[in-house]
PDB file of N, CA and C in Angstrom:
ATOM      1  N   MET A   1     140.114 115.622 182.386  1.00  0.00           N
ATOM      2  CA  MET A   1     141.434 115.924 181.903  1.00  0.00           C
ATOM      3  C   MET A   1     141.444 115.702 180.383  1.00  0.00           C
ATOM      4  N   LYS A   2     141.995 116.640 179.637  1.00  0.00           N
ATOM      5  CA  LYS A   2     142.131 116.502 178.194  1.00  0.00           C
ATOM      6  C   LYS A   2     143.472 115.895 177.861  1.00  0.00           C
ATOM      7  N   VAL A   3     143.440 114.963 176.900  1.00  0.00           N
ATOM      8  CA  VAL A   3     144.669 114.325 176.444  1.00  0.00           C
ATOM      9  C   VAL A   3     144.727 114.461 174.924  1.00  0.00           C
ATOM     10  N   ARG A   4     145.871 114.882 174.432  1.00  0.00           N
ATOM     11  CA  ARG A   4     146.051 115.055 173.003  1.00  0.00           C
ATOM     12  C   ARG A   4     146.663 113.767 172.419  1.00  0.00           C
ATOM     13  N   LEU A   5     146.109 113.349 171.281  1.00  0.00           N
ATOM     14  CA  LEU A   5     146.553 112.124 170.614  1.00  0.00           C
ATOM     15  C   LEU A   5     147.084 112.465 169.233  1.00  0.00           C
ATOM     16  N   PHE A   6     148.067 111.703 168.797  1.00  0.00           N
ATOM     17  CA  PHE A   6     148.666 111.939 167.503  1.00  0.00           C
ATOM     18  C   PHE A   6     148.670 110.660 166.660  1.00  0.00           C
ATOM     19  N   ALA A   7     148.710 110.844 165.350  1.00  0.00           N
ATOM     20  CA  ALA A   7     148.901 109.782 164.353  1.00  0.00           C
ATOM     21  C   ALA A   7     147.941 108.617 164.574  1.00  0.00           C
ATOM     22  N   ALA A   8     148.443 107.400 164.693  1.00  0.00           N
ATOM     23  CA  ALA A   8     147.619 106.197 164.790  1.00  0.00           C
ATOM     24  C   ALA A   8     146.695 106.235 165.995  1.00  0.00           C
ATOM     25  N   LEU A   9     147.158 106.818 167.116  1.00  0.00           N
ATOM     26  CA  LEU A   9     146.309 106.892 168.296  1.00  0.00           C
ATOM     27  C   LEU A   9     145.102 107.810 168.027  1.00  0.00           C
ATOM     28  N   ARG A  10     145.332 108.868 167.307  1.00  0.00           N
ATOM     29  CA  ARG A  10     144.245 109.786 166.939  1.00  0.00           C
ATOM     30  C   ARG A  10     143.249 109.068 166.017  1.00  0.00           C
ATOM     31  N   GLU A  11     143.770 108.279 165.103  1.00  0.00           N
ATOM     32  CA  GLU A  11     142.887 107.555 164.171  1.00  0.00           C
ATOM     33  C   GLU A  11     142.028 106.527 164.919  1.00  0.00           C
ATOM     34  N   ILE A  12     142.608 105.825 165.850  1.00  0.00           N
ATOM     35  CA  ILE A  12     141.850 104.802 166.607  1.00  0.00           C
ATOM     36  C   ILE A  12     140.764 105.478 167.439  1.00  0.00           C
ATOM     37  N   ALA A  13     141.105 106.591 168.096  1.00  0.00           N
ATOM     38  CA  ALA A  13     140.150 107.266 168.965  1.00  0.00           C
ATOM     39  C   ALA A  13     139.140 108.103 168.168  1.00  0.00           C
ATOM     40  N   GLY A  14     139.482 108.446 166.922  1.00  0.00           N
ATOM     41  CA  GLY A  14     138.589 109.251 166.111  1.00  0.00           C
ATOM     42  C   GLY A  14     138.621 110.719 166.441  1.00  0.00           C
ATOM     43  N   SER A  15     139.640 111.147 167.191  1.00  0.00           N
ATOM     44  CA  SER A  15     139.775 112.540 167.563  1.00  0.00           C
ATOM     45  C   SER A  15     141.183 112.824 168.017  1.00  0.00           C
ATOM     46  N   SER A  16     141.610 114.077 167.847  1.00  0.00           N
ATOM     47  CA  SER A  16     142.945 114.432 168.317  1.00  0.00           C
ATOM     48  C   SER A  16     142.960 114.842 169.801  1.00  0.00           C
ATOM     49  N   TRP A  17     141.789 115.022 170.376  1.00  0.00           N
ATOM     50  CA  TRP A  17     141.651 115.333 171.810  1.00  0.00           C
ATOM     51  C   TRP A  17     140.628 114.405 172.411  1.00  0.00           C
ATOM     52  N   VAL A  18     140.911 113.845 173.582  1.00  0.00           N
ATOM     53  CA  VAL A  18     139.911 113.051 174.299  1.00  0.00           C
ATOM     54  C   VAL A  18     139.860 113.525 175.755  1.00  0.00           C
ATOM     55  N   ASP A  19     138.686 113.436 176.335  1.00  0.00           N
ATOM     56  CA  ASP A  19     138.500 113.781 177.743  1.00  0.00           C
ATOM     57  C   ASP A  19     138.542 112.490 178.547  1.00  0.00           C
ATOM     58  N   VAL A  20     139.257 112.535 179.661  1.00  0.00           N
ATOM     59  CA  VAL A  20     139.317 111.416 180.574  1.00  0.00           C
ATOM     60  C   VAL A  20     138.854 111.887 181.932  1.00  0.00           C
ATOM     61  N   GLU A  21     137.866 111.204 182.459  1.00  0.00           N
ATOM     62  CA  GLU A  21     137.376 111.568 183.802  1.00  0.00           C
ATOM     63  C   GLU A  21     138.386 111.088 184.825  1.00  0.00           C
ATOM     64  N   THR A  22     138.872 111.966 185.665  1.00  0.00           N
ATOM     65  CA  THR A  22     139.741 111.546 186.740  1.00  0.00           C
ATOM     66  C   THR A  22     138.859 111.211 187.942  1.00  0.00           C
ATOM     67  N   GLY A  23     139.265 110.271 188.689  1.00  0.00           N
ATOM     68  CA  GLY A  23     138.474 109.822 189.822  1.00  0.00           C
ATOM     69  C   GLY A  23     138.784 108.395 190.128  1.00  0.00           C
ATOM     70  N   ALA A  24     137.773 107.616 190.472  1.00  0.00           N
ATOM     71  CA  ALA A  24     137.957 106.233 190.895  1.00  0.00           C
ATOM     72  C   ALA A  24     138.616 105.372 189.823  1.00  0.00           C
ATOM     73  N   ALA A  25     138.263 105.601 188.560  1.00  0.00           N
ATOM     74  CA  ALA A  25     138.792 104.757 187.493  1.00  0.00           C
ATOM     75  C   ALA A  25     140.216 105.115 187.114  1.00  0.00           C
ATOM     76  N   VAL A  26     140.645 106.344 187.384  1.00  0.00           N
ATOM     77  CA  VAL A  26     141.955 106.809 186.998  1.00  0.00           C
ATOM     78  C   VAL A  26     142.610 107.512 188.163  1.00  0.00           C
ATOM     79  N   ASP A  27     143.781 107.024 188.597  1.00  0.00           N
ATOM     80  CA  ASP A  27     144.479 107.798 189.635  1.00  0.00           C
ATOM     81  C   ASP A  27     145.319 108.855 188.911  1.00  0.00           C
ATOM     82  N   THR A  28     146.349 109.362 189.541  1.00  0.00           N
ATOM     83  CA  THR A  28     147.051 110.478 188.964  1.00  0.00           C
ATOM     84  C   THR A  28     148.383 110.107 188.300  1.00  0.00           C
ATOM     85  N   SER A  29     148.492 108.886 187.763  1.00  0.00           N
ATOM     86  CA  SER A  29     149.728 108.520 187.066  1.00  0.00           C
ATOM     87  C   SER A  29     149.475 108.393 185.561  1.00  0.00           C
ATOM     88  N   ALA A  30     150.517 108.575 184.800  1.00  0.00           N
ATOM     89  CA  ALA A  30     150.404 108.424 183.349  1.00  0.00           C
ATOM     90  C   ALA A  30     149.998 107.010 182.962  1.00  0.00           C
ATOM     91  N   GLY A  31     150.504 106.024 183.705  1.00  0.00           N
ATOM     92  CA  GLY A  31     150.143 104.638 183.427  1.00  0.00           C
ATOM     93  C   GLY A  31     148.670 104.351 183.662  1.00  0.00           C
ATOM     94  N   SER A  32     148.097 104.906 184.694  1.00  0.00           N
ATOM     95  CA  SER A  32     146.674 104.730 184.953  1.00  0.00           C
ATOM     96  C   SER A  32     145.828 105.441 183.895  1.00  0.00           C
ATOM     97  N   LEU A  33     146.320 106.575 183.433  1.00  0.00           N
ATOM     98  CA  LEU A  33     145.639 107.268 182.346  1.00  0.00           C
ATOM     99  C   LEU A  33     145.604 106.388 181.087  1.00  0.00           C
ATOM    100  N   LEU A  34     146.755 105.777 180.779  1.00  0.00           N
ATOM    101  CA  LEU A  34     146.790 104.869 179.627  1.00  0.00           C
ATOM    102  C   LEU A  34     145.859 103.681 179.818  1.00  0.00           C
ATOM    103  N   ASP A  35     145.796 103.144 181.040  1.00  0.00           N
ATOM    104  CA  ASP A  35     144.900 102.017 181.321  1.00  0.00           C
ATOM    105  C   ASP A  35     143.458 102.408 181.016  1.00  0.00           C
ATOM    106  N   ALA A  36     143.071 103.611 181.447  1.00  0.00           N
ATOM    107  CA  ALA A  36     141.697 104.065 181.225  1.00  0.00           C
ATOM    108  C   ALA A  36     141.417 104.279 179.730  1.00  0.00           C
ATOM    109  N   LEU A  37     142.357 104.862 179.008  1.00  0.00           N
ATOM    110  CA  LEU A  37     142.172 105.091 177.577  1.00  0.00           C
ATOM    111  C   LEU A  37     142.145 103.746 176.834  1.00  0.00           C
ATOM    112  N   SER A  38     142.981 102.798 177.235  1.00  0.00           N
ATOM    113  CA  SER A  38     143.007 101.474 176.599  1.00  0.00           C
ATOM    114  C   SER A  38     141.717 100.721 176.830  1.00  0.00           C
ATOM    115  N   ALA A  39     141.113 100.886 178.013  1.00  0.00           N
ATOM    116  CA  ALA A  39     139.843 100.228 178.292  1.00  0.00           C
ATOM    117  C   ALA A  39     138.765 100.762 177.354  1.00  0.00           C
ATOM    118  N   THR A  40     138.876 102.012 176.968  1.00  0.00           N
ATOM    119  CA  THR A  40     137.907 102.620 176.054  1.00  0.00           C
ATOM    120  C   THR A  40     138.196 102.307 174.606  1.00  0.00           C
ATOM    121  N   TYR A  41     139.478 102.383 174.196  1.00  0.00           N
ATOM    122  CA  TYR A  41     139.832 102.304 172.788  1.00  0.00           C
ATOM    123  C   TYR A  41     140.441 100.964 172.347  1.00  0.00           C
ATOM    124  N   GLY A  42     140.732 100.049 173.271  1.00  0.00           N
ATOM    125  CA  GLY A  42     141.118  98.713 172.889  1.00  0.00           C
ATOM    126  C   GLY A  42     142.594  98.371 172.894  1.00  0.00           C
ATOM    127  N   GLU A  43     142.842  97.114 172.529  1.00  0.00           N
ATOM    128  CA  GLU A  43     144.191  96.541 172.598  1.00  0.00           C
ATOM    129  C   GLU A  43     145.170  97.209 171.648  1.00  0.00           C
ATOM    130  N   GLU A  44     144.722  97.534 170.439  1.00  0.00           N
ATOM    131  CA  GLU A  44     145.634  98.168 169.469  1.00  0.00           C
ATOM    132  C   GLU A  44     146.077  99.524 169.969  1.00  0.00           C
ATOM    133  N   PHE A  45     145.153 100.299 170.548  1.00  0.00           N
ATOM    134  CA  PHE A  45     145.485 101.585 171.139  1.00  0.00           C
ATOM    135  C   PHE A  45     146.551 101.379 172.221  1.00  0.00           C
ATOM    136  N   GLU A  46     146.329 100.405 173.108  1.00  0.00           N
ATOM    137  CA  GLU A  46     147.277 100.160 174.194  1.00  0.00           C
ATOM    138  C   GLU A  46     148.645  99.750 173.671  1.00  0.00           C
ATOM    139  N   ARG A  47     148.672  98.859 172.677  1.00  0.00           N
ATOM    140  CA  ARG A  47     149.928  98.395 172.138  1.00  0.00           C
ATOM    141  C   ARG A  47     150.747  99.572 171.555  1.00  0.00           C
ATOM    142  N   ILE A  48     150.088 100.425 170.802  1.00  0.00           N
ATOM    143  CA  ILE A  48     150.777 101.571 170.202  1.00  0.00           C
ATOM    144  C   ILE A  48     151.207 102.563 171.267  1.00  0.00           C
ATOM    145  N   ALA A  49     150.320 102.887 172.193  1.00  0.00           N
ATOM    146  CA  ALA A  49     150.635 103.875 173.214  1.00  0.00           C
ATOM    147  C   ALA A  49     151.765 103.405 174.144  1.00  0.00           C
ATOM    148  N   ARG A  50     151.761 102.151 174.504  1.00  0.00           N
ATOM    149  CA  ARG A  50     152.810 101.621 175.405  1.00  0.00           C
ATOM    150  C   ARG A  50     154.178 101.629 174.744  1.00  0.00           C
ATOM    151  N   SER A  51     154.215 101.579 173.416  1.00  0.00           N
ATOM    152  CA  SER A  51     155.522 101.617 172.752  1.00  0.00           C
ATOM    153  C   SER A  51     155.911 103.046 172.372  1.00  0.00           C
ATOM    154  N   GLY A  52     155.067 103.989 172.651  1.00  0.00           N
ATOM    155  CA  GLY A  52     155.329 105.389 172.339  1.00  0.00           C
ATOM    156  C   GLY A  52     155.808 106.175 173.539  1.00  0.00           C
ATOM    157  N   THR A  53     155.462 107.452 173.551  1.00  0.00           N
ATOM    158  CA  THR A  53     155.940 108.360 174.608  1.00  0.00           C
ATOM    159  C   THR A  53     154.774 109.119 175.175  1.00  0.00           C
ATOM    160  N   VAL A  54     154.767 109.270 176.501  1.00  0.00           N
ATOM    161  CA  VAL A  54     153.823 110.147 177.146  1.00  0.00           C
ATOM    162  C   VAL A  54     154.561 111.458 177.423  1.00  0.00           C
ATOM    163  N   VAL A  55     153.878 112.559 177.122  1.00  0.00           N
ATOM    164  CA  VAL A  55     154.468 113.898 177.311  1.00  0.00           C
ATOM    165  C   VAL A  55     153.563 114.672 178.255  1.00  0.00           C
ATOM    166  N   VAL A  56     154.147 115.169 179.333  1.00  0.00           N
ATOM    167  CA  VAL A  56     153.400 115.967 180.311  1.00  0.00           C
ATOM    168  C   VAL A  56     154.025 117.342 180.370  1.00  0.00           C
ATOM    169  N   ASN A  57     153.248 118.352 180.067  1.00  0.00           N
ATOM    170  CA  ASN A  57     153.708 119.729 180.078  1.00  0.00           C
ATOM    171  C   ASN A  57     154.958 119.911 179.210  1.00  0.00           C
ATOM    172  N   GLY A  58     154.991 119.248 178.058  1.00  0.00           N
ATOM    173  CA  GLY A  58     156.079 119.398 177.126  1.00  0.00           C
ATOM    174  C   GLY A  58     157.322 118.575 177.395  1.00  0.00           C
ATOM    175  N   GLU A  59     157.287 117.754 178.466  1.00  0.00           N
ATOM    176  CA  GLU A  59     158.438 116.946 178.840  1.00  0.00           C
ATOM    177  C   GLU A  59     158.120 115.462 178.746  1.00  0.00           C
ATOM    178  N   PRO A  60     158.973 114.651 178.127  1.00  0.00           N
ATOM    179  CA  PRO A  60     158.758 113.214 178.137  1.00  0.00           C
ATOM    180  C   PRO A  60     158.686 112.719 179.587  1.00  0.00           C
ATOM    181  N   ALA A  61     157.773 111.795 179.823  1.00  0.00           N
ATOM    182  CA  ALA A  61     157.546 111.329 181.202  1.00  0.00           C
ATOM    183  C   ALA A  61     157.371 109.819 181.209  1.00  0.00           C
ATOM    184  N   GLY A  62     157.731 109.207 182.309  1.00  0.00           N
ATOM    185  CA  GLY A  62     157.519 107.794 182.506  1.00  0.00           C
ATOM    186  C   GLY A  62     156.072 107.528 182.921  1.00  0.00           C
ATOM    187  N   TRP A  63     155.714 106.233 182.884  1.00  0.00           N
ATOM    188  CA  TRP A  63     154.333 105.856 183.209  1.00  0.00           C
ATOM    189  C   TRP A  63     154.015 106.066 184.670  1.00  0.00           C
ATOM    190  N   ALA A  64     154.979 106.194 185.530  1.00  0.00           N
ATOM    191  CA  ALA A  64     154.723 106.425 186.952  1.00  0.00           C
ATOM    192  C   ALA A  64     154.596 107.924 187.276  1.00  0.00           C
ATOM    193  N   ARG A  65     154.798 108.783 186.329  1.00  0.00           N
ATOM    194  CA  ARG A  65     154.746 110.233 186.508  1.00  0.00           C
ATOM    195  C   ARG A  65     153.356 110.660 186.996  1.00  0.00           C
ATOM    196  N   PRO A  66     153.293 111.363 188.114  1.00  0.00           N
ATOM    197  CA  PRO A  66     152.002 111.885 188.572  1.00  0.00           C
ATOM    198  C   PRO A  66     151.475 112.955 187.589  1.00  0.00           C
ATOM    199  N   ILE A  67     150.175 112.984 187.450  1.00  0.00           N
ATOM    200  CA  ILE A  67     149.547 113.933 186.551  1.00  0.00           C
ATOM    201  C   ILE A  67     148.442 114.660 187.320  1.00  0.00           C
ATOM    202  N   ALA A  68     148.451 115.999 187.220  1.00  0.00           N
ATOM    203  CA  ALA A  68     147.400 116.805 187.841  1.00  0.00           C
ATOM    204  C   ALA A  68     146.382 117.180 186.755  1.00  0.00           C
ATOM    205  N   ALA A  69     145.196 117.498 187.167  1.00  0.00           N
ATOM    206  CA  ALA A  69     144.123 117.828 186.221  1.00  0.00           C
ATOM    207  C   ALA A  69     144.484 118.989 185.292  1.00  0.00           C
ATOM    208  N   GLU A  70     145.298 119.909 185.755  1.00  0.00           N
ATOM    209  CA  GLU A  70     145.660 121.045 184.920  1.00  0.00           C
ATOM    210  C   GLU A  70     146.855 120.824 183.998  1.00  0.00           C
ATOM    211  N   ASP A  71     147.488 119.657 184.086  1.00  0.00           N
ATOM    212  CA  ASP A  71     148.635 119.348 183.236  1.00  0.00           C
ATOM    213  C   ASP A  71     148.201 119.122 181.789  1.00  0.00           C
ATOM    214  N   GLU A  72     149.085 119.472 180.866  1.00  0.00           N
ATOM    215  CA  GLU A  72     148.888 119.179 179.439  1.00  0.00           C
ATOM    216  C   GLU A  72     149.500 117.811 179.179  1.00  0.00           C
ATOM    217  N   VAL A  73     148.690 116.894 178.681  1.00  0.00           N
ATOM    218  CA  VAL A  73     149.141 115.535 178.431  1.00  0.00           C
ATOM    219  C   VAL A  73     148.994 115.195 176.957  1.00  0.00           C
ATOM    220  N   ALA A  74     150.018 114.546 176.397  1.00  0.00           N
ATOM    221  CA  ALA A  74     149.931 114.092 175.006  1.00  0.00           C
ATOM    222  C   ALA A  74     150.511 112.694 174.939  1.00  0.00           C
ATOM    223  N   LEU A  75     149.937 111.891 174.056  1.00  0.00           N
ATOM    224  CA  LEU A  75     150.440 110.525 173.804  1.00  0.00           C
ATOM    225  C   LEU A  75     150.961 110.492 172.363  1.00  0.00           C
ATOM    226  N   LEU A  76     152.234 110.184 172.224  1.00  0.00           N
ATOM    227  CA  LEU A  76     152.880 110.138 170.913  1.00  0.00           C
ATOM    228  C   LEU A  76     153.206 108.695 170.580  1.00  0.00           C
ATOM    229  N   PRO A  77     152.727 108.196 169.450  1.00  0.00           N
ATOM    230  CA  PRO A  77     153.089 106.844 169.068  1.00  0.00           C
ATOM    231  C   PRO A  77     154.571 106.804 168.674  1.00  0.00           C
ATOM    232  N   PRO A  78     155.139 105.597 168.569  1.00  0.00           N
ATOM    233  CA  PRO A  78     156.531 105.525 168.183  1.00  0.00           C
ATOM    234  C   PRO A  78     156.699 106.090 166.779  1.00  0.00           C
ATOM    235  N   VAL A  79     157.852 106.645 166.517  1.00  0.00           N
ATOM    236  CA  VAL A  79     158.152 107.227 165.226  1.00  0.00           C
ATOM    237  C   VAL A  79     158.968 106.235 164.419  1.00  0.00           C
ATOM    238  N   SER A  80     158.554 105.998 163.186  1.00  0.00           N
ATOM    239  CA  SER A  80     159.319 105.120 162.311  1.00  0.00           C
ATOM    240  C   SER A  80     160.143 105.958 161.363  1.00  0.00           C
ATOM    241  N   GLY A  81     161.041 105.310 160.658  1.00  0.00           N
ATOM    242  CA  GLY A  81     161.868 106.024 159.693  1.00  0.00           C
ATOM    243  C   GLY A  81     161.075 106.459 158.507  1.00  0.00           C
ATOM    244  N   GLY A  82     161.678 107.346 157.729  1.00  0.00           N
ATOM    245  CA  GLY A  82     161.040 107.848 156.532  1.00  0.00           C
ATOM    246  C   GLY A  82     161.204 106.877 155.376  1.00  0.00           C
ATOM    247  N   THR A  83     161.003 107.387 154.212  1.00  0.00           N
ATOM    248  CA  THR A  83     161.093 106.568 153.016  1.00  0.00           C
ATOM    249  C   THR A  83     162.510 106.339 152.554  1.00  0.00           C
ATOM    250  N   GLY A  84     163.428 107.156 153.067  1.00  0.00           N
ATOM    251  CA  GLY A  84     164.808 107.050 152.644  1.00  0.00           C
ATOM    252  C   GLY A  84     165.118 107.812 151.377  1.00  0.00           C
ATOM    253  N   ARG A  85     164.125 108.458 150.785  1.00  0.00           N
ATOM    254  CA  ARG A  85     164.342 109.240 149.581  1.00  0.00           C
ATOM    255  C   ARG A  85     165.241 110.425 149.875  1.00  0.00           C
ATOM    256  N   GLY A  86     166.148 110.671 149.019  1.00  0.00           N
ATOM    257  CA  GLY A  86     167.042 111.805 149.167  1.00  0.00           C
ATOM    258  C   GLY A  86     168.210 111.538 150.106  1.00  0.00           C
ATOM    259  N   VAL A  87     168.259 110.369 150.669  1.00  0.00           N
ATOM    260  CA  VAL A  87     169.360 110.020 151.539  1.00  0.00           C
ATOM    261  C   VAL A  87     170.231 109.013 150.784  1.00  0.00           C
ATOM    262  N   PRO A  88     171.485 109.345 150.499  1.00  0.00           N
ATOM    263  CA  PRO A  88     172.308 108.419 149.732  1.00  0.00           C
ATOM    264  C   PRO A  88     172.539 107.124 150.508  1.00  0.00           C
ATOM    265  N   ARG A  89     172.502 106.028 149.803  1.00  0.00           N
ATOM    266  CA  ARG A  89     172.791 104.746 150.430  1.00  0.00           C
ATOM    267  C   ARG A  89     174.287 104.562 150.541  1.00  0.00           C
ATOM    268  N   ARG A  90     174.702 103.829 151.511  1.00  0.00           N
ATOM    269  CA  ARG A  90     176.105 103.526 151.700  1.00  0.00           C
ATOM    270  C   ARG A  90     176.638 102.870 150.437  1.00  0.00           C
ATOM    271  N   GLY A  91     177.728 103.390 149.947  1.00  0.00           N
ATOM    272  CA  GLY A  91     178.375 102.801 148.783  1.00  0.00           C
ATOM    273  C   GLY A  91     177.751 103.217 147.452  1.00  0.00           C
ATOM    274  N   SER A  92     176.793 104.179 147.484  1.00  0.00           N
ATOM    275  CA  SER A  92     176.152 104.560 146.237  1.00  0.00           C
ATOM    276  C   SER A  92     176.699 105.869 145.670  1.00  0.00           C
ATOM    277  N   GLY A  93     177.736 106.380 146.294  1.00  0.00           N
ATOM    278  CA  GLY A  93     178.110 107.664 145.787  1.00  0.00           C
ATOM    279  C   GLY A  93     179.558 107.867 145.791  1.00  0.00           C
TER     280      GLY A  93
END
């Protein structure tokens, strides 16, 4: 199964796409997929991924969501705010 990674998760894994063998080590849930990826890429990967969003076939999904081999899966890290440039501060205008 191919999984697409973004931002910090991509940097940790060293690639924007990773292959995950489905079988004994991974059942068909998003949570088990994360467990397998975390075992490979470590605690920082797990911490970021658990606070982010799993997307299956373009739809946000919970960790219990079943995943089939043909599904498109992406892991999105949490999104932080921007720099605030160009946005007027309260009371500044």
